[in-house]
Amino acid sequence: MTTFSELIKSIISDLHQAGFIKDADDLQRLANLALDQTLLTDTRNDALKQIEMRCHVKWLGDLYLPRLSQKDWWGRLEKLARSTKKR
């Protein structure tokens, strides 16, 4: 089973490779907040909600990543969205 950290790193890498640097950097910033155990729980939970919102078909799901099929890309985003709820 893929961990939240592994999954988000993989998606950030996919975004970088496809040239979506701003989106990748934004997701990295949110991941850093979500994973920082020194921050308040509310801050981490807000970052997780922001990540989940970006997994929507009309946000990051709307991007075209040449090395992934749309089905694979949406599947990865759906997995990430589910993993934010488990944290």
PDB file of N, CA and C in Angstrom:
ATOM      1  N   MET A   1       0.836  -1.193   0.000  1.00  0.00           N
ATOM      2  CA  MET A   1       0.000   0.000   0.000  1.00  0.00           C
ATOM      3  C   MET A   1       0.879   1.254   0.000  1.00  0.00           C
ATOM      4  N   THR A   2       0.520   2.188  -0.822  1.00  0.00           N
ATOM      5  CA  THR A   2       1.274   3.427  -0.955  1.00  0.00           C
ATOM      6  C   THR A   2       0.886   4.385   0.168  1.00  0.00           C
ATOM      7  N   THR A   3       1.889   4.992   0.797  1.00  0.00           N
ATOM      8  CA  THR A   3       1.607   5.959   1.855  1.00  0.00           C
ATOM      9  C   THR A   3       1.246   7.309   1.253  1.00  0.00           C
ATOM     10  N   PHE A   4       0.657   8.153   2.072  1.00  0.00           N
ATOM     11  CA  PHE A   4       0.323   9.512   1.646  1.00  0.00           C
ATOM     12  C   PHE A   4       1.575  10.224   1.134  1.00  0.00           C
ATOM     13  N   SER A   5       2.676  10.110   1.877  1.00  0.00           N
ATOM     14  CA  SER A   5       3.924  10.796   1.499  1.00  0.00           C
ATOM     15  C   SER A   5       4.435  10.323   0.147  1.00  0.00           C
ATOM     16  N   GLU A   6       4.428   9.011  -0.077  1.00  0.00           N
ATOM     17  CA  GLU A   6       4.903   8.461  -1.351  1.00  0.00           C
ATOM     18  C   GLU A   6       4.011   8.906  -2.498  1.00  0.00           C
ATOM     19  N   LEU A   7       2.719   8.867  -2.273  1.00  0.00           N
ATOM     20  CA  LEU A   7       1.760   9.235  -3.309  1.00  0.00           C
ATOM     21  C   LEU A   7       1.884  10.701  -3.689  1.00  0.00           C
ATOM     22  N   ILE A   8       1.979  11.568  -2.700  1.00  0.00           N
ATOM     23  CA  ILE A   8       2.053  12.997  -3.007  1.00  0.00           C
ATOM     24  C   ILE A   8       3.378  13.336  -3.690  1.00  0.00           C
ATOM     25  N   LYS A   9       4.468  12.690  -3.269  1.00  0.00           N
ATOM     26  CA  LYS A   9       5.764  12.914  -3.938  1.00  0.00           C
ATOM     27  C   LYS A   9       5.696  12.491  -5.392  1.00  0.00           C
ATOM     28  N   SER A  10       5.056  11.373  -5.649  1.00  0.00           N
ATOM     29  CA  SER A  10       4.917  10.861  -7.009  1.00  0.00           C
ATOM     30  C   SER A  10       4.095  11.816  -7.882  1.00  0.00           C
ATOM     31  N   ILE A  11       2.998  12.322  -7.350  1.00  0.00           N
ATOM     32  CA  ILE A  11       2.136  13.243  -8.103  1.00  0.00           C
ATOM     33  C   ILE A  11       2.854  14.571  -8.343  1.00  0.00           C
ATOM     34  N   ILE A  12       3.578  15.052  -7.349  1.00  0.00           N
ATOM     35  CA  ILE A  12       4.364  16.282  -7.515  1.00  0.00           C
ATOM     36  C   ILE A  12       5.405  16.083  -8.614  1.00  0.00           C
ATOM     37  N   SER A  13       6.052  14.934  -8.626  1.00  0.00           N
ATOM     38  CA  SER A  13       7.035  14.610  -9.658  1.00  0.00           C
ATOM     39  C   SER A  13       6.377  14.568 -11.040  1.00  0.00           C
ATOM     40  N   ASP A  14       5.205  13.957 -11.131  1.00  0.00           N
ATOM     41  CA  ASP A  14       4.475  13.910 -12.408  1.00  0.00           C
ATOM     42  C   ASP A  14       4.164  15.312 -12.905  1.00  0.00           C
ATOM     43  N   LEU A  15       3.725  16.180 -11.997  1.00  0.00           N
ATOM     44  CA  LEU A  15       3.407  17.560 -12.375  1.00  0.00           C
ATOM     45  C   LEU A  15       4.651  18.299 -12.860  1.00  0.00           C
ATOM     46  N   HIS A  16       5.773  18.113 -12.157  1.00  0.00           N
ATOM     47  CA  HIS A  16       7.032  18.746 -12.582  1.00  0.00           C
ATOM     48  C   HIS A  16       7.430  18.271 -13.974  1.00  0.00           C
ATOM     49  N   GLN A  17       7.385  16.961 -14.191  1.00  0.00           N
ATOM     50  CA  GLN A  17       7.785  16.398 -15.487  1.00  0.00           C
ATOM     51  C   GLN A  17       6.923  16.910 -16.631  1.00  0.00           C
ATOM     52  N   ALA A  18       5.653  17.183 -16.347  1.00  0.00           N
ATOM     53  CA  ALA A  18       4.741  17.667 -17.379  1.00  0.00           C
ATOM     54  C   ALA A  18       4.798  19.180 -17.535  1.00  0.00           C
ATOM     55  N   GLY A  19       5.615  19.857 -16.709  1.00  0.00           N
ATOM     56  CA  GLY A  19       5.783  21.301 -16.829  1.00  0.00           C
ATOM     57  C   GLY A  19       4.807  22.131 -16.012  1.00  0.00           C
ATOM     58  N   PHE A  20       4.066  21.490 -15.131  1.00  0.00           N
ATOM     59  CA  PHE A  20       3.121  22.217 -14.280  1.00  0.00           C
ATOM     60  C   PHE A  20       3.805  22.575 -12.958  1.00  0.00           C
ATOM     61  N   ILE A  21       4.808  23.436 -13.053  1.00  0.00           N
ATOM     62  CA  ILE A  21       5.679  23.767 -11.924  1.00  0.00           C
ATOM     63  C   ILE A  21       4.908  24.476 -10.805  1.00  0.00           C
ATOM     64  N   LYS A  22       4.077  25.446 -11.178  1.00  0.00           N
ATOM     65  CA  LYS A  22       3.320  26.197 -10.169  1.00  0.00           C
ATOM     66  C   LYS A  22       2.410  25.255  -9.376  1.00  0.00           C
ATOM     67  N   ASP A  23       1.719  24.357 -10.068  1.00  0.00           N
ATOM     68  CA  ASP A  23       0.828  23.406  -9.392  1.00  0.00           C
ATOM     69  C   ASP A  23       1.626  22.445  -8.517  1.00  0.00           C
ATOM     70  N   ALA A  24       2.775  22.005  -9.011  1.00  0.00           N
ATOM     71  CA  ALA A  24       3.632  21.092  -8.249  1.00  0.00           C
ATOM     72  C   ALA A  24       4.145  21.779  -6.985  1.00  0.00           C
ATOM     73  N   ASP A  25       4.597  23.015  -7.123  1.00  0.00           N
ATOM     74  CA  ASP A  25       5.110  23.766  -5.974  1.00  0.00           C
ATOM     75  C   ASP A  25       4.015  24.041  -4.949  1.00  0.00           C
ATOM     76  N   ASP A  26       2.816  24.346  -5.435  1.00  0.00           N
ATOM     77  CA  ASP A  26       1.678  24.596  -4.562  1.00  0.00           C
ATOM     78  C   ASP A  26       1.336  23.325  -3.766  1.00  0.00           C
ATOM     79  N   LEU A  27       1.317  22.194  -4.469  1.00  0.00           N
ATOM     80  CA  LEU A  27       1.028  20.922  -3.800  1.00  0.00           C
ATOM     81  C   LEU A  27       2.122  20.565  -2.800  1.00  0.00           C
ATOM     82  N   GLN A  28       3.375  20.863  -3.143  1.00  0.00           N
ATOM     83  CA  GLN A  28       4.486  20.591  -2.229  1.00  0.00           C
ATOM     84  C   GLN A  28       4.363  21.432  -0.960  1.00  0.00           C
ATOM     85  N   ARG A  29       3.992  22.687  -1.124  1.00  0.00           N
ATOM     86  CA  ARG A  29       3.815  23.582   0.027  1.00  0.00           C
ATOM     87  C   ARG A  29       2.730  23.028   0.957  1.00  0.00           C
ATOM     88  N   LEU A  30       1.622  22.600   0.366  1.00  0.00           N
ATOM     89  CA  LEU A  30       0.532  22.043   1.170  1.00  0.00           C
ATOM     90  C   LEU A  30       0.936  20.723   1.828  1.00  0.00           C
ATOM     91  N   ALA A  31       1.672  19.904   1.109  1.00  0.00           N
ATOM     92  CA  ALA A  31       2.140  18.626   1.673  1.00  0.00           C
ATOM     93  C   ALA A  31       3.060  18.880   2.859  1.00  0.00           C
ATOM     94  N   ASN A  32       3.935  19.874   2.732  1.00  0.00           N
ATOM     95  CA  ASN A  32       4.839  20.216   3.834  1.00  0.00           C
ATOM     96  C   ASN A  32       4.049  20.615   5.081  1.00  0.00           C
ATOM     97  N   LEU A  33       2.991  21.392   4.880  1.00  0.00           N
ATOM     98  CA  LEU A  33       2.146  21.796   6.001  1.00  0.00           C
ATOM     99  C   LEU A  33       1.425  20.590   6.600  1.00  0.00           C
ATOM    100  N   ALA A  34       0.882  19.743   5.726  1.00  0.00           N
ATOM    101  CA  ALA A  34       0.107  18.589   6.189  1.00  0.00           C
ATOM    102  C   ALA A  34       0.966  17.603   6.968  1.00  0.00           C
ATOM    103  N   LEU A  35       2.228  17.508   6.619  1.00  0.00           N
ATOM    104  CA  LEU A  35       3.111  16.510   7.228  1.00  0.00           C
ATOM    105  C   LEU A  35       3.914  17.040   8.419  1.00  0.00           C
ATOM    106  N   ASP A  36       3.851  18.341   8.658  1.00  0.00           N
ATOM    107  CA  ASP A  36       4.638  18.954   9.733  1.00  0.00           C
ATOM    108  C   ASP A  36       3.949  18.748  11.087  1.00  0.00           C
ATOM    109  N   GLN A  37       4.458  17.810  11.858  1.00  0.00           N
ATOM    110  CA  GLN A  37       3.849  17.463  13.148  1.00  0.00           C
ATOM    111  C   GLN A  37       3.997  18.564  14.203  1.00  0.00           C
ATOM    112  N   THR A  38       4.815  19.578  13.930  1.00  0.00           N
ATOM    113  CA  THR A  38       4.972  20.671  14.892  1.00  0.00           C
ATOM    114  C   THR A  38       3.854  21.705  14.752  1.00  0.00           C
ATOM    115  N   LEU A  39       3.080  21.619  13.677  1.00  0.00           N
ATOM    116  CA  LEU A  39       1.991  22.577  13.457  1.00  0.00           C
ATOM    117  C   LEU A  39       0.726  22.118  14.177  1.00  0.00           C
ATOM    118  N   LEU A  40      -0.170  23.052  14.391  1.00  0.00           N
ATOM    119  CA  LEU A  40      -1.460  22.735  15.007  1.00  0.00           C
ATOM    120  C   LEU A  40      -2.239  21.772  14.114  1.00  0.00           C
ATOM    121  N   THR A  41      -3.029  20.928  14.742  1.00  0.00           N
ATOM    122  CA  THR A  41      -3.837  19.953  14.009  1.00  0.00           C
ATOM    123  C   THR A  41      -4.742  20.647  12.998  1.00  0.00           C
ATOM    124  N   ASP A  42      -5.327  21.773  13.381  1.00  0.00           N
ATOM    125  CA  ASP A  42      -6.209  22.509  12.463  1.00  0.00           C
ATOM    126  C   ASP A  42      -5.466  22.949  11.208  1.00  0.00           C
ATOM    127  N   THR A  43      -4.230  23.386  11.361  1.00  0.00           N
ATOM    128  CA  THR A  43      -3.423  23.829  10.226  1.00  0.00           C
ATOM    129  C   THR A  43      -3.149  22.650   9.295  1.00  0.00           C
ATOM    130  N   ARG A  44      -2.778  21.514   9.890  1.00  0.00           N
ATOM    131  CA  ARG A  44      -2.500  20.317   9.077  1.00  0.00           C
ATOM    132  C   ARG A  44      -3.767  19.826   8.376  1.00  0.00           C
ATOM    133  N   ASN A  45      -4.881  19.838   9.101  1.00  0.00           N
ATOM    134  CA  ASN A  45      -6.144  19.397   8.506  1.00  0.00           C
ATOM    135  C   ASN A  45      -6.596  20.315   7.378  1.00  0.00           C
ATOM    136  N   ASP A  46      -6.376  21.624   7.539  1.00  0.00           N
ATOM    137  CA  ASP A  46      -6.722  22.572   6.481  1.00  0.00           C
ATOM    138  C   ASP A  46      -5.884  22.291   5.231  1.00  0.00           C
ATOM    139  N   ALA A  47      -4.604  22.004   5.416  1.00  0.00           N
ATOM    140  CA  ALA A  47      -3.737  21.680   4.272  1.00  0.00           C
ATOM    141  C   ALA A  47      -4.227  20.407   3.586  1.00  0.00           C
ATOM    142  N   LEU A  48      -4.637  19.414   4.355  1.00  0.00           N
ATOM    143  CA  LEU A  48      -5.169  18.177   3.766  1.00  0.00           C
ATOM    144  C   LEU A  48      -6.450  18.444   2.976  1.00  0.00           C
ATOM    145  N   LYS A  49      -7.308  19.319   3.501  1.00  0.00           N
ATOM    146  CA  LYS A  49      -8.536  19.679   2.773  1.00  0.00           C
ATOM    147  C   LYS A  49      -8.202  20.387   1.464  1.00  0.00           C
ATOM    148  N   GLN A  50      -7.193  21.263   1.512  1.00  0.00           N
ATOM    149  CA  GLN A  50      -6.768  21.965   0.301  1.00  0.00           C
ATOM    150  C   GLN A  50      -6.229  20.973  -0.741  1.00  0.00           C
ATOM    151  N   ILE A  51      -5.474  19.979  -0.282  1.00  0.00           N
ATOM    152  CA  ILE A  51      -4.949  18.954  -1.195  1.00  0.00           C
ATOM    153  C   ILE A  51      -6.121  18.174  -1.799  1.00  0.00           C
ATOM    154  N   GLU A  52      -7.058  17.785  -0.945  1.00  0.00           N
ATOM    155  CA  GLU A  52      -8.219  17.028  -1.433  1.00  0.00           C
ATOM    156  C   GLU A  52      -8.984  17.818  -2.497  1.00  0.00           C
ATOM    157  N   MET A  53      -9.174  19.114  -2.288  1.00  0.00           N
ATOM    158  CA  MET A  53      -9.880  19.951  -3.261  1.00  0.00           C
ATOM    159  C   MET A  53      -9.157  19.963  -4.599  1.00  0.00           C
ATOM    160  N   ARG A  54      -7.838  19.944  -4.583  1.00  0.00           N
ATOM    161  CA  ARG A  54      -7.064  19.976  -5.823  1.00  0.00           C
ATOM    162  C   ARG A  54      -7.146  18.665  -6.606  1.00  0.00           C
ATOM    163  N   CYS A  55      -7.566  17.611  -5.945  1.00  0.00           N
ATOM    164  CA  CYS A  55      -7.686  16.299  -6.609  1.00  0.00           C
ATOM    165  C   CYS A  55      -8.935  16.205  -7.474  1.00  0.00           C
ATOM    166  N   HIS A  56      -9.750  17.222  -7.482  1.00  0.00           N
ATOM    167  CA  HIS A  56     -10.993  17.228  -8.256  1.00  0.00           C
ATOM    168  C   HIS A  56     -10.694  17.254  -9.759  1.00  0.00           C
ATOM    169  N   VAL A  57     -11.605  16.659 -10.537  1.00  0.00           N
ATOM    170  CA  VAL A  57     -11.487  16.596 -11.993  1.00  0.00           C
ATOM    171  C   VAL A  57     -11.367  17.992 -12.610  1.00  0.00           C
ATOM    172  N   LYS A  58     -11.994  18.966 -11.999  1.00  0.00           N
ATOM    173  CA  LYS A  58     -11.961  20.326 -12.549  1.00  0.00           C
ATOM    174  C   LYS A  58     -10.758  21.144 -12.058  1.00  0.00           C
ATOM    175  N   TRP A  59      -9.861  20.541 -11.295  1.00  0.00           N
ATOM    176  CA  TRP A  59      -8.669  21.253 -10.837  1.00  0.00           C
ATOM    177  C   TRP A  59      -7.447  20.552 -11.415  1.00  0.00           C
ATOM    178  N   LEU A  60      -6.738  19.774 -10.634  1.00  0.00           N
ATOM    179  CA  LEU A  60      -5.578  19.064 -11.175  1.00  0.00           C
ATOM    180  C   LEU A  60      -5.994  17.992 -12.181  1.00  0.00           C
ATOM    181  N   GLY A  61      -7.172  17.441 -12.019  1.00  0.00           N
ATOM    182  CA  GLY A  61      -7.651  16.424 -12.946  1.00  0.00           C
ATOM    183  C   GLY A  61      -7.874  16.948 -14.349  1.00  0.00           C
ATOM    184  N   ASP A  62      -7.934  18.257 -14.472  1.00  0.00           N
ATOM    185  CA  ASP A  62      -8.136  18.913 -15.764  1.00  0.00           C
ATOM    186  C   ASP A  62      -6.831  19.024 -16.554  1.00  0.00           C
ATOM    187  N   LEU A  63      -5.709  18.742 -15.923  1.00  0.00           N
ATOM    188  CA  LEU A  63      -4.412  18.877 -16.575  1.00  0.00           C
ATOM    189  C   LEU A  63      -4.105  17.653 -17.432  1.00  0.00           C
ATOM    190  N   TYR A  64      -3.367  17.890 -18.512  1.00  0.00           N
ATOM    191  CA  TYR A  64      -2.954  16.791 -19.385  1.00  0.00           C
ATOM    192  C   TYR A  64      -1.504  16.431 -19.081  1.00  0.00           C
ATOM    193  N   LEU A  65      -1.288  15.198 -18.666  1.00  0.00           N
ATOM    194  CA  LEU A  65       0.059  14.691 -18.403  1.00  0.00           C
ATOM    195  C   LEU A  65       0.378  13.644 -19.469  1.00  0.00           C
ATOM    196  N   PRO A  66       1.284  13.971 -20.391  1.00  0.00           N
ATOM    197  CA  PRO A  66       1.520  13.109 -21.550  1.00  0.00           C
ATOM    198  C   PRO A  66       1.926  11.668 -21.215  1.00  0.00           C
ATOM    199  N   ARG A  67       2.596  11.449 -20.108  1.00  0.00           N
ATOM    200  CA  ARG A  67       3.068  10.091 -19.840  1.00  0.00           C
ATOM    201  C   ARG A  67       2.063   9.230 -19.075  1.00  0.00           C
ATOM    202  N   LEU A  68       0.900   9.804 -18.744  1.00  0.00           N
ATOM    203  CA  LEU A  68      -0.148   9.053 -18.050  1.00  0.00           C
ATOM    204  C   LEU A  68      -1.453   9.154 -18.841  1.00  0.00           C
ATOM    205  N   SER A  69      -2.204   8.056 -18.856  1.00  0.00           N
ATOM    206  CA  SER A  69      -3.540   8.145 -19.459  1.00  0.00           C
ATOM    207  C   SER A  69      -4.416   8.963 -18.513  1.00  0.00           C
ATOM    208  N   GLN A  70      -5.477   9.506 -19.043  1.00  0.00           N
ATOM    209  CA  GLN A  70      -6.375  10.297 -18.201  1.00  0.00           C
ATOM    210  C   GLN A  70      -6.941   9.420 -17.079  1.00  0.00           C
ATOM    211  N   LYS A  71      -7.250   8.175 -17.388  1.00  0.00           N
ATOM    212  CA  LYS A  71      -7.777   7.245 -16.387  1.00  0.00           C
ATOM    213  C   LYS A  71      -6.761   7.035 -15.264  1.00  0.00           C
ATOM    214  N   ASP A  72      -5.483   6.829 -15.624  1.00  0.00           N
ATOM    215  CA  ASP A  72      -4.435   6.640 -14.614  1.00  0.00           C
ATOM    216  C   ASP A  72      -4.260   7.885 -13.755  1.00  0.00           C
ATOM    217  N   TRP A  73      -4.249   9.049 -14.397  1.00  0.00           N
ATOM    218  CA  TRP A  73      -4.076  10.315 -13.682  1.00  0.00           C
ATOM    219  C   TRP A  73      -5.212  10.533 -12.696  1.00  0.00           C
ATOM    220  N   TRP A  74      -6.452  10.356 -13.164  1.00  0.00           N
ATOM    221  CA  TRP A  74      -7.601  10.543 -12.283  1.00  0.00           C
ATOM    222  C   TRP A  74      -7.583   9.519 -11.153  1.00  0.00           C
ATOM    223  N   GLY A  75      -7.151   8.305 -11.452  1.00  0.00           N
ATOM    224  CA  GLY A  75      -7.061   7.269 -10.435  1.00  0.00           C
ATOM    225  C   GLY A  75      -6.076   7.640  -9.344  1.00  0.00           C
ATOM    226  N   ARG A  76      -4.947   8.211  -9.747  1.00  0.00           N
ATOM    227  CA  ARG A  76      -3.938   8.629  -8.768  1.00  0.00           C
ATOM    228  C   ARG A  76      -4.455   9.770  -7.908  1.00  0.00           C
ATOM    229  N   LEU A  77      -5.147  10.714  -8.534  1.00  0.00           N
ATOM    230  CA  LEU A  77      -5.707  11.835  -7.777  1.00  0.00           C
ATOM    231  C   LEU A  77      -6.789  11.349  -6.812  1.00  0.00           C
ATOM    232  N   GLU A  78      -7.584  10.387  -7.259  1.00  0.00           N
ATOM    233  CA  GLU A  78      -8.622   9.835  -6.393  1.00  0.00           C
ATOM    234  C   GLU A  78      -7.998   9.133  -5.184  1.00  0.00           C
ATOM    235  N   LYS A  79      -6.917   8.402  -5.430  1.00  0.00           N
ATOM    236  CA  LYS A  79      -6.192   7.730  -4.348  1.00  0.00           C
ATOM    237  C   LYS A  79      -5.669   8.750  -3.345  1.00  0.00           C
ATOM    238  N   LEU A  80      -5.109   9.846  -3.861  1.00  0.00           N
ATOM    239  CA  LEU A  80      -4.587  10.901  -2.995  1.00  0.00           C
ATOM    240  C   LEU A  80      -5.714  11.518  -2.174  1.00  0.00           C
ATOM    241  N   ALA A  81      -6.845  11.793  -2.814  1.00  0.00           N
ATOM    242  CA  ALA A  81      -7.988  12.376  -2.108  1.00  0.00           C
ATOM    243  C   ALA A  81      -8.435  11.451  -0.977  1.00  0.00           C
ATOM    244  N   ARG A  82      -8.495  10.147  -1.254  1.00  0.00           N
ATOM    245  CA  ARG A  82      -8.889   9.195  -0.212  1.00  0.00           C
ATOM    246  C   ARG A  82      -7.878   9.173   0.916  1.00  0.00           C
ATOM    247  N   SER A  83      -6.604   9.262   0.575  1.00  0.00           N
ATOM    248  CA  SER A  83      -5.572   9.188   1.622  1.00  0.00           C
ATOM    249  C   SER A  83      -5.565  10.441   2.497  1.00  0.00           C
ATOM    250  N   THR A  84      -6.027  11.586   1.974  1.00  0.00           N
ATOM    251  CA  THR A  84      -6.108  12.795   2.813  1.00  0.00           C
ATOM    252  C   THR A  84      -7.167  12.610   3.888  1.00  0.00           C
ATOM    253  N   LYS A  85      -8.207  11.857   3.587  1.00  0.00           N
ATOM    254  CA  LYS A  85      -9.289  11.637   4.554  1.00  0.00           C
ATOM    255  C   LYS A  85      -8.860  10.686   5.659  1.00  0.00           C
ATOM    256  N   LYS A  86      -7.897   9.819   5.364  1.00  0.00           N
ATOM    257  CA  LYS A  86      -7.426   8.855   6.362  1.00  0.00           C
ATOM    258  C   LYS A  86      -6.470   9.482   7.364  1.00  0.00           C
ATOM    259  N   ARG A  87      -5.868  10.606   6.989  1.00  0.00           N
ATOM    260  CA  ARG A  87      -4.877  11.234   7.863  1.00  0.00           C
ATOM    261  C   ARG A  87      -5.520  12.026   8.955  1.00  0.00           C
TER     262      ARG A  87
END
